[in-house]
Amino acid sequence: MATKSTSATTQQDGAAATATANKPGLRKPTFVKVETLKPGTNGHTLIVKVVESNTVLSKKPRNPTFRGPQNQNTKIAECLIGDETGTILFTARNDQVELMKPGNTVVLRNAKIDMFKGSMRLAVDKWGRVELTEPEKFVVKEENNLSLVEYELVNVEES
């Protein structure tokens, strides 16, 4: 009858523990406020309330029998979202539109700033997430709308 060596099992357990200790863990999210958003930035995590939502595009597929990326329902909504520091327009796409109902509180993870006609818009692409969360107690400051600020691209020549 063969007996199992306990030193071999302890070496395997030790190797597994070392492998997990060397693996980097997930970073804790750093939540930012709306007023700190700047053009051309990305990777933002915010907790915001939806003030209003307007569907700007709702397109049905031309050929419902064909399955492919060209034949999916396309929904786009512009949503005014904000926190206690200000508001900004958020472009919600497809499944995100259902979550962005007025009065909802959402967490936007890995959000980015897109420029549209010289003004800032917030968006979450396929690398980010939009999640419903518990209602927050803050009052949205609607007077500070960052999407109303118009930016102009200026090329600076170095001498």
N, C-alpha and C. Protein backbone atom coordinates (compact mmCIF):
# COMPACT_ATOMS: atom_id res chain seq x y z
N MET A 1 0.84 -1.18 0.00
CA MET A 1 0.00 0.00 0.00
C MET A 1 0.88 1.24 0.00
N ALA A 2 0.64 2.13 -0.94
CA ALA A 2 1.47 3.34 -1.08
C ALA A 2 0.89 4.45 -0.23
N THR A 3 1.76 5.20 0.42
CA THR A 3 1.31 6.34 1.21
C THR A 3 1.69 7.62 0.48
N LYS A 4 0.86 8.61 0.60
CA LYS A 4 1.08 9.88 -0.08
C LYS A 4 2.02 10.74 0.76
N SER A 5 2.99 11.32 0.12
CA SER A 5 3.96 12.14 0.83
C SER A 5 3.32 13.48 1.20
N THR A 6 3.39 13.83 2.48
CA THR A 6 2.80 15.09 2.93
C THR A 6 3.66 16.27 2.52
N SER A 7 4.95 16.07 2.33
CA SER A 7 5.80 17.20 1.93
C SER A 7 5.47 17.65 0.51
N ALA A 8 5.08 16.71 -0.39
CA ALA A 8 4.72 17.07 -1.76
C ALA A 8 3.45 17.91 -1.77
N THR A 9 2.47 17.55 -0.93
CA THR A 9 1.23 18.33 -0.90
C THR A 9 1.47 19.71 -0.31
N THR A 10 2.34 19.83 0.68
CA THR A 10 2.61 21.15 1.25
C THR A 10 3.34 22.02 0.25
N GLN A 11 4.19 21.45 -0.59
CA GLN A 11 4.88 22.23 -1.60
C GLN A 11 3.89 22.74 -2.64
N GLN A 12 2.92 21.89 -3.02
CA GLN A 12 1.91 22.33 -3.99
C GLN A 12 1.05 23.44 -3.40
N ASP A 13 0.63 23.28 -2.15
CA ASP A 13 -0.18 24.32 -1.50
C ASP A 13 0.60 25.62 -1.40
N GLY A 14 1.87 25.53 -1.07
CA GLY A 14 2.72 26.72 -0.96
C GLY A 14 2.87 27.41 -2.31
N ALA A 15 3.02 26.63 -3.39
CA ALA A 15 3.16 27.21 -4.73
C ALA A 15 1.87 27.92 -5.15
N ALA A 16 0.72 27.31 -4.82
CA ALA A 16 -0.57 27.94 -5.15
C ALA A 16 -0.74 29.24 -4.38
N ALA A 17 -0.35 29.26 -3.12
CA ALA A 17 -0.48 30.47 -2.30
C ALA A 17 0.43 31.56 -2.84
N THR A 18 1.64 31.20 -3.28
CA THR A 18 2.57 32.19 -3.84
C THR A 18 2.03 32.75 -5.15
N ALA A 19 1.41 31.89 -5.97
CA ALA A 19 0.86 32.36 -7.25
C ALA A 19 -0.25 33.37 -7.03
N THR A 20 -1.12 33.11 -6.04
CA THR A 20 -2.20 34.06 -5.79
C THR A 20 -1.67 35.33 -5.12
N ALA A 21 -0.61 35.24 -4.35
CA ALA A 21 -0.05 36.42 -3.70
C ALA A 21 0.61 37.33 -4.73
N ASN A 22 1.19 36.77 -5.80
CA ASN A 22 1.86 37.57 -6.83
C ASN A 22 0.88 38.19 -7.81
N LYS A 23 -0.34 37.64 -7.91
CA LYS A 23 -1.33 38.16 -8.85
C LYS A 23 -1.88 39.48 -8.33
N PRO A 24 -1.86 40.53 -9.16
CA PRO A 24 -2.39 41.82 -8.68
C PRO A 24 -3.90 41.75 -8.48
N GLY A 25 -4.38 42.36 -7.40
CA GLY A 25 -5.81 42.37 -7.11
C GLY A 25 -6.49 43.51 -7.85
N LEU A 26 -7.81 43.54 -7.76
CA LEU A 26 -8.57 44.62 -8.38
C LEU A 26 -8.40 45.89 -7.57
N ARG A 27 -8.30 47.02 -8.29
CA ARG A 27 -8.18 48.30 -7.62
C ARG A 27 -9.55 48.74 -7.13
N LYS A 28 -9.56 49.45 -6.03
CA LYS A 28 -10.80 50.05 -5.54
C LYS A 28 -11.14 51.22 -6.45
N PRO A 29 -12.41 51.38 -6.83
CA PRO A 29 -12.75 52.49 -7.73
C PRO A 29 -12.61 53.84 -7.02
N THR A 30 -12.13 54.82 -7.76
CA THR A 30 -12.04 56.18 -7.26
C THR A 30 -13.20 56.96 -7.88
N PHE A 31 -14.16 57.32 -7.06
CA PHE A 31 -15.33 58.03 -7.55
C PHE A 31 -14.99 59.50 -7.72
N VAL A 32 -15.41 60.09 -8.86
CA VAL A 32 -15.16 61.50 -9.13
C VAL A 32 -16.50 62.23 -9.20
N LYS A 33 -16.44 63.54 -9.07
CA LYS A 33 -17.63 64.38 -9.17
C LYS A 33 -17.74 64.93 -10.59
N VAL A 34 -18.93 65.30 -10.99
CA VAL A 34 -19.18 65.78 -12.34
C VAL A 34 -18.36 67.03 -12.65
N GLU A 35 -18.21 67.95 -11.69
CA GLU A 35 -17.51 69.20 -11.96
C GLU A 35 -16.02 69.00 -12.27
N THR A 36 -15.45 67.83 -11.95
CA THR A 36 -14.02 67.59 -12.20
C THR A 36 -13.75 67.03 -13.59
N LEU A 37 -14.79 66.73 -14.37
CA LEU A 37 -14.60 66.14 -15.70
C LEU A 37 -14.00 67.16 -16.67
N LYS A 38 -13.05 66.68 -17.47
CA LYS A 38 -12.36 67.53 -18.44
C LYS A 38 -12.41 66.88 -19.82
N PRO A 39 -12.33 67.66 -20.90
CA PRO A 39 -12.36 67.09 -22.26
C PRO A 39 -11.20 66.13 -22.49
N GLY A 40 -11.48 65.05 -23.23
CA GLY A 40 -10.45 64.10 -23.62
C GLY A 40 -10.00 63.14 -22.54
N THR A 41 -10.74 63.04 -21.45
CA THR A 41 -10.35 62.13 -20.37
C THR A 41 -11.23 60.89 -20.39
N ASN A 42 -10.75 59.84 -19.72
CA ASN A 42 -11.54 58.60 -19.66
C ASN A 42 -11.24 57.86 -18.36
N GLY A 43 -11.93 56.74 -18.16
CA GLY A 43 -11.72 55.92 -16.96
C GLY A 43 -12.40 56.47 -15.72
N HIS A 44 -13.45 57.25 -15.89
CA HIS A 44 -14.14 57.86 -14.75
C HIS A 44 -15.16 56.90 -14.15
N THR A 45 -15.30 56.95 -12.82
CA THR A 45 -16.34 56.22 -12.11
C THR A 45 -17.16 57.25 -11.34
N LEU A 46 -18.47 57.28 -11.60
CA LEU A 46 -19.33 58.29 -10.99
C LEU A 46 -20.61 57.67 -10.45
N ILE A 47 -21.17 58.29 -9.42
CA ILE A 47 -22.53 57.97 -8.97
C ILE A 47 -23.37 59.20 -9.29
N VAL A 48 -24.38 59.01 -10.16
CA VAL A 48 -25.18 60.14 -10.62
C VAL A 48 -26.66 59.80 -10.62
N LYS A 49 -27.47 60.86 -10.63
CA LYS A 49 -28.92 60.71 -10.79
C LYS A 49 -29.30 61.12 -12.20
N VAL A 50 -30.30 60.45 -12.75
CA VAL A 50 -30.81 60.79 -14.08
C VAL A 50 -31.88 61.86 -13.89
N VAL A 51 -31.67 63.03 -14.51
CA VAL A 51 -32.63 64.13 -14.39
C VAL A 51 -33.69 64.01 -15.48
N GLU A 52 -33.23 63.81 -16.74
CA GLU A 52 -34.18 63.61 -17.84
C GLU A 52 -33.55 62.74 -18.91
N SER A 53 -34.40 62.13 -19.74
CA SER A 53 -33.92 61.23 -20.79
C SER A 53 -34.77 61.42 -22.03
N ASN A 54 -34.11 61.67 -23.18
CA ASN A 54 -34.81 61.88 -24.44
C ASN A 54 -34.24 60.93 -25.48
N THR A 55 -35.09 60.08 -26.05
CA THR A 55 -34.65 59.17 -27.11
C THR A 55 -34.44 59.98 -28.38
N VAL A 56 -33.24 59.86 -28.97
CA VAL A 56 -32.96 60.62 -30.19
C VAL A 56 -32.91 59.71 -31.42
N LEU A 57 -32.75 58.39 -31.22
CA LEU A 57 -32.74 57.47 -32.34
C LEU A 57 -33.27 56.12 -31.88
N SER A 58 -34.22 55.60 -32.62
CA SER A 58 -34.74 54.27 -32.36
C SER A 58 -34.97 53.63 -33.72
N LYS A 59 -34.06 52.72 -34.07
CA LYS A 59 -34.08 52.15 -35.40
C LYS A 59 -34.29 50.64 -35.32
N LYS A 60 -35.26 50.15 -36.06
CA LYS A 60 -35.53 48.71 -36.15
C LYS A 60 -34.69 48.12 -37.28
N PRO A 61 -34.39 46.83 -37.22
CA PRO A 61 -33.63 46.21 -38.30
C PRO A 61 -34.42 46.16 -39.60
N ARG A 62 -33.72 46.27 -40.73
CA ARG A 62 -34.39 46.23 -42.04
C ARG A 62 -34.85 44.83 -42.39
N ASN A 63 -34.02 43.84 -42.09
CA ASN A 63 -34.35 42.45 -42.40
C ASN A 63 -34.26 41.63 -41.11
N PRO A 64 -35.38 41.44 -40.40
CA PRO A 64 -35.33 40.79 -39.10
C PRO A 64 -34.90 39.32 -39.15
N THR A 65 -34.94 38.68 -40.32
CA THR A 65 -34.55 37.28 -40.39
C THR A 65 -33.03 37.12 -40.44
N PHE A 66 -32.32 38.14 -40.93
CA PHE A 66 -30.86 38.07 -41.01
C PHE A 66 -30.26 38.43 -39.66
N ARG A 67 -29.34 37.59 -39.17
CA ARG A 67 -28.68 37.87 -37.89
C ARG A 67 -27.29 38.43 -38.16
N GLY A 68 -27.03 39.61 -37.68
CA GLY A 68 -25.72 40.22 -37.87
C GLY A 68 -25.67 41.57 -37.18
N PRO A 69 -24.48 42.16 -37.09
CA PRO A 69 -24.36 43.43 -36.38
C PRO A 69 -25.12 44.57 -37.06
N GLN A 70 -25.33 44.48 -38.39
CA GLN A 70 -26.05 45.56 -39.08
C GLN A 70 -27.55 45.50 -38.79
N ASN A 71 -28.02 44.37 -38.30
CA ASN A 71 -29.45 44.18 -38.17
C ASN A 71 -29.93 44.15 -36.72
N GLN A 72 -29.28 44.85 -35.84
CA GLN A 72 -29.72 44.90 -34.46
C GLN A 72 -30.54 46.17 -34.22
N ASN A 73 -31.42 46.12 -33.21
CA ASN A 73 -32.13 47.33 -32.82
C ASN A 73 -31.11 48.35 -32.35
N THR A 74 -31.27 49.59 -32.76
CA THR A 74 -30.37 50.64 -32.33
C THR A 74 -31.18 51.69 -31.61
N LYS A 75 -30.83 51.94 -30.35
CA LYS A 75 -31.47 52.99 -29.57
C LYS A 75 -30.40 53.90 -29.03
N ILE A 76 -30.61 55.19 -29.15
CA ILE A 76 -29.71 56.17 -28.57
C ILE A 76 -30.56 57.21 -27.85
N ALA A 77 -30.17 57.51 -26.62
CA ALA A 77 -30.88 58.52 -25.83
C ALA A 77 -29.87 59.49 -25.25
N GLU A 78 -30.25 60.75 -25.21
CA GLU A 78 -29.46 61.76 -24.53
C GLU A 78 -30.08 61.98 -23.17
N CYS A 79 -29.27 61.80 -22.13
CA CYS A 79 -29.78 61.88 -20.77
C CYS A 79 -29.02 62.97 -20.01
N LEU A 80 -29.75 63.81 -19.32
CA LEU A 80 -29.12 64.79 -18.45
C LEU A 80 -28.92 64.12 -17.10
N ILE A 81 -27.66 63.97 -16.70
CA ILE A 81 -27.35 63.31 -15.43
C ILE A 81 -26.53 64.26 -14.59
N GLY A 82 -26.49 64.03 -13.28
CA GLY A 82 -25.69 64.91 -12.45
C GLY A 82 -25.60 64.47 -11.01
N ASP A 83 -24.79 65.22 -10.27
CA ASP A 83 -24.66 65.01 -8.83
C ASP A 83 -24.74 66.38 -8.16
N GLU A 84 -24.27 66.47 -6.92
CA GLU A 84 -24.40 67.73 -6.18
C GLU A 84 -23.46 68.82 -6.69
N THR A 85 -22.56 68.51 -7.65
CA THR A 85 -21.62 69.51 -8.16
C THR A 85 -21.99 70.04 -9.54
N GLY A 86 -22.80 69.30 -10.30
CA GLY A 86 -23.16 69.77 -11.64
C GLY A 86 -23.83 68.69 -12.46
N THR A 87 -24.10 69.02 -13.73
CA THR A 87 -24.76 68.08 -14.65
C THR A 87 -23.97 67.99 -15.94
N ILE A 88 -24.23 66.93 -16.71
CA ILE A 88 -23.61 66.73 -18.01
C ILE A 88 -24.54 65.84 -18.83
N LEU A 89 -24.45 65.94 -20.15
CA LEU A 89 -25.25 65.06 -21.01
C LEU A 89 -24.56 63.71 -21.14
N PHE A 90 -25.32 62.65 -21.02
CA PHE A 90 -24.82 61.28 -21.15
C PHE A 90 -25.47 60.67 -22.38
N THR A 91 -24.67 60.04 -23.24
CA THR A 91 -25.20 59.37 -24.42
C THR A 91 -25.38 57.89 -24.08
N ALA A 92 -26.64 57.47 -23.95
CA ALA A 92 -26.94 56.07 -23.62
C ALA A 92 -27.24 55.32 -24.91
N ARG A 93 -26.69 54.11 -25.03
CA ARG A 93 -26.87 53.30 -26.22
C ARG A 93 -27.50 51.96 -25.88
N ASN A 94 -28.45 51.52 -26.69
CA ASN A 94 -29.09 50.20 -26.63
C ASN A 94 -29.57 49.82 -25.23
N ASP A 95 -28.94 48.85 -24.56
CA ASP A 95 -29.40 48.38 -23.25
C ASP A 95 -29.30 49.46 -22.17
N GLN A 96 -28.38 50.39 -22.33
CA GLN A 96 -28.21 51.46 -21.35
C GLN A 96 -29.43 52.37 -21.28
N VAL A 97 -30.18 52.49 -22.39
CA VAL A 97 -31.34 53.39 -22.45
C VAL A 97 -32.39 52.97 -21.42
N GLU A 98 -32.57 51.66 -21.23
CA GLU A 98 -33.58 51.17 -20.29
C GLU A 98 -33.23 51.55 -18.84
N LEU A 99 -31.94 51.63 -18.51
CA LEU A 99 -31.52 51.95 -17.14
C LEU A 99 -31.61 53.44 -16.84
N MET A 100 -31.57 54.27 -17.89
CA MET A 100 -31.48 55.71 -17.71
C MET A 100 -32.87 56.37 -17.68
N LYS A 101 -33.67 55.98 -16.73
CA LYS A 101 -35.00 56.58 -16.54
C LYS A 101 -34.90 57.71 -15.52
N PRO A 102 -35.61 58.81 -15.73
CA PRO A 102 -35.55 59.93 -14.78
C PRO A 102 -35.85 59.48 -13.35
N GLY A 103 -35.00 59.93 -12.43
CA GLY A 103 -35.15 59.56 -11.02
C GLY A 103 -34.25 58.42 -10.60
N ASN A 104 -33.75 57.62 -11.55
CA ASN A 104 -32.86 56.51 -11.20
C ASN A 104 -31.49 57.03 -10.77
N THR A 105 -30.85 56.30 -9.86
CA THR A 105 -29.47 56.58 -9.49
C THR A 105 -28.63 55.46 -10.09
N VAL A 106 -27.58 55.83 -10.82
CA VAL A 106 -26.75 54.83 -11.50
C VAL A 106 -25.27 55.05 -11.18
N VAL A 107 -24.51 53.95 -11.29
CA VAL A 107 -23.06 54.01 -11.18
C VAL A 107 -22.51 53.83 -12.59
N LEU A 108 -21.72 54.78 -13.05
CA LEU A 108 -21.07 54.70 -14.36
C LEU A 108 -19.62 54.31 -14.12
N ARG A 109 -19.22 53.17 -14.68
CA ARG A 109 -17.84 52.69 -14.51
C ARG A 109 -17.11 52.81 -15.85
N ASN A 110 -15.89 53.27 -15.79
CA ASN A 110 -15.03 53.44 -16.96
C ASN A 110 -15.69 54.33 -18.02
N ALA A 111 -16.26 55.44 -17.57
CA ALA A 111 -16.91 56.39 -18.48
C ALA A 111 -15.85 57.27 -19.12
N LYS A 112 -16.16 57.77 -20.32
CA LYS A 112 -15.22 58.64 -21.03
C LYS A 112 -15.93 59.89 -21.51
N ILE A 113 -15.14 60.92 -21.78
CA ILE A 113 -15.68 62.17 -22.30
C ILE A 113 -15.53 62.17 -23.81
N ASP A 114 -16.63 62.31 -24.52
CA ASP A 114 -16.63 62.48 -25.97
C ASP A 114 -16.94 63.94 -26.26
N MET A 115 -16.35 64.47 -27.31
CA MET A 115 -16.65 65.83 -27.72
C MET A 115 -17.64 65.77 -28.89
N PHE A 116 -18.74 66.53 -28.80
CA PHE A 116 -19.76 66.56 -29.83
C PHE A 116 -20.11 68.02 -30.08
N LYS A 117 -19.80 68.50 -31.29
CA LYS A 117 -20.06 69.89 -31.67
C LYS A 117 -19.47 70.87 -30.64
N GLY A 118 -18.26 70.57 -30.17
CA GLY A 118 -17.57 71.48 -29.26
C GLY A 118 -17.97 71.39 -27.80
N SER A 119 -18.88 70.48 -27.44
CA SER A 119 -19.28 70.37 -26.04
C SER A 119 -19.03 68.94 -25.53
N MET A 120 -18.92 68.82 -24.22
CA MET A 120 -18.61 67.52 -23.62
C MET A 120 -19.85 66.66 -23.47
N ARG A 121 -19.69 65.38 -23.75
CA ARG A 121 -20.72 64.37 -23.50
C ARG A 121 -20.05 63.21 -22.78
N LEU A 122 -20.75 62.62 -21.87
CA LEU A 122 -20.24 61.45 -21.15
C LEU A 122 -20.79 60.21 -21.83
N ALA A 123 -19.99 59.15 -21.95
CA ALA A 123 -20.44 57.91 -22.58
C ALA A 123 -19.74 56.73 -21.92
N VAL A 124 -20.40 55.58 -21.98
CA VAL A 124 -19.81 54.33 -21.50
C VAL A 124 -19.84 53.37 -22.67
N ASP A 125 -18.66 52.93 -23.12
CA ASP A 125 -18.60 52.00 -24.25
C ASP A 125 -18.58 50.56 -23.76
N LYS A 126 -18.17 49.64 -24.62
CA LYS A 126 -18.22 48.21 -24.27
C LYS A 126 -17.25 47.84 -23.16
N TRP A 127 -16.30 48.69 -22.84
CA TRP A 127 -15.33 48.39 -21.78
C TRP A 127 -15.80 48.88 -20.42
N GLY A 128 -16.94 49.56 -20.37
CA GLY A 128 -17.44 50.09 -19.11
C GLY A 128 -18.77 49.45 -18.73
N ARG A 129 -19.36 49.95 -17.65
CA ARG A 129 -20.64 49.43 -17.18
C ARG A 129 -21.54 50.54 -16.67
N VAL A 130 -22.84 50.33 -16.83
CA VAL A 130 -23.86 51.19 -16.25
C VAL A 130 -24.68 50.30 -15.34
N GLU A 131 -24.72 50.64 -14.04
CA GLU A 131 -25.42 49.80 -13.07
C GLU A 131 -26.40 50.64 -12.26
N LEU A 132 -27.60 50.10 -12.04
CA LEU A 132 -28.55 50.75 -11.12
C LEU A 132 -28.04 50.56 -9.70
N THR A 133 -28.26 51.55 -8.85
CA THR A 133 -27.84 51.44 -7.46
C THR A 133 -28.92 52.02 -6.56
N GLU A 134 -28.68 51.97 -5.26
CA GLU A 134 -29.63 52.51 -4.30
C GLU A 134 -29.76 54.03 -4.49
N PRO A 135 -30.96 54.59 -4.31
CA PRO A 135 -31.13 56.04 -4.46
C PRO A 135 -30.24 56.81 -3.48
N GLU A 136 -29.58 57.86 -3.99
CA GLU A 136 -28.71 58.70 -3.16
C GLU A 136 -29.51 59.88 -2.63
N LYS A 137 -28.99 60.51 -1.58
CA LYS A 137 -29.71 61.59 -0.92
C LYS A 137 -29.36 62.98 -1.46
N PHE A 138 -28.37 63.10 -2.36
CA PHE A 138 -27.96 64.42 -2.83
C PHE A 138 -28.99 65.03 -3.79
N VAL A 139 -28.94 66.37 -3.89
CA VAL A 139 -29.79 67.12 -4.81
C VAL A 139 -28.91 67.54 -5.99
N VAL A 140 -29.38 67.28 -7.21
CA VAL A 140 -28.60 67.58 -8.41
C VAL A 140 -28.53 69.09 -8.62
N LYS A 141 -27.30 69.59 -8.85
CA LYS A 141 -27.09 71.02 -9.09
C LYS A 141 -27.22 71.27 -10.59
N GLU A 142 -28.42 71.66 -11.02
CA GLU A 142 -28.70 71.82 -12.45
C GLU A 142 -28.15 73.12 -13.03
N GLU A 143 -27.72 74.06 -12.19
CA GLU A 143 -27.22 75.34 -12.69
C GLU A 143 -25.86 75.18 -13.37
N ASN A 144 -25.09 74.15 -12.98
CA ASN A 144 -23.73 73.95 -13.51
C ASN A 144 -23.75 72.82 -14.54
N ASN A 145 -24.20 73.12 -15.78
CA ASN A 145 -24.27 72.12 -16.84
C ASN A 145 -23.00 72.18 -17.68
N LEU A 146 -22.13 71.17 -17.53
CA LEU A 146 -20.85 71.16 -18.25
C LEU A 146 -21.02 71.00 -19.75
N SER A 147 -22.16 70.48 -20.20
CA SER A 147 -22.38 70.30 -21.64
C SER A 147 -22.74 71.61 -22.34
N LEU A 148 -23.02 72.66 -21.58
CA LEU A 148 -23.32 73.95 -22.18
C LEU A 148 -22.05 74.76 -22.44
N VAL A 149 -20.92 74.32 -21.87
CA VAL A 149 -19.64 75.00 -22.09
C VAL A 149 -19.10 74.55 -23.44
N GLU A 150 -18.80 75.53 -24.32
CA GLU A 150 -18.31 75.20 -25.65
C GLU A 150 -16.79 75.32 -25.68
N TYR A 151 -16.16 74.26 -26.17
CA TYR A 151 -14.70 74.22 -26.26
C TYR A 151 -14.27 74.38 -27.71
N GLU A 152 -13.08 74.95 -27.89
CA GLU A 152 -12.55 75.13 -29.24
C GLU A 152 -11.15 74.54 -29.27
N LEU A 153 -10.85 73.76 -30.31
CA LEU A 153 -9.53 73.18 -30.45
C LEU A 153 -8.58 74.22 -30.99
N VAL A 154 -7.50 74.50 -30.25
CA VAL A 154 -6.52 75.49 -30.64
C VAL A 154 -5.18 74.80 -30.82
N ASN A 155 -4.57 74.96 -31.99
CA ASN A 155 -3.25 74.40 -32.23
C ASN A 155 -2.20 75.42 -31.80
N VAL A 156 -1.28 74.98 -30.95
CA VAL A 156 -0.23 75.86 -30.44
C VAL A 156 1.08 75.46 -31.11
N GLU A 157 1.71 76.43 -31.78
CA GLU A 157 2.99 76.15 -32.43
C GLU A 157 4.11 76.39 -31.44
N GLU A 158 5.00 75.40 -31.36
CA GLU A 158 6.15 75.54 -30.47
C GLU A 158 7.27 76.25 -31.23
N SER A 159 7.97 77.17 -30.55
CA SER A 159 9.05 77.89 -31.23
C SER A 159 10.41 77.49 -30.70
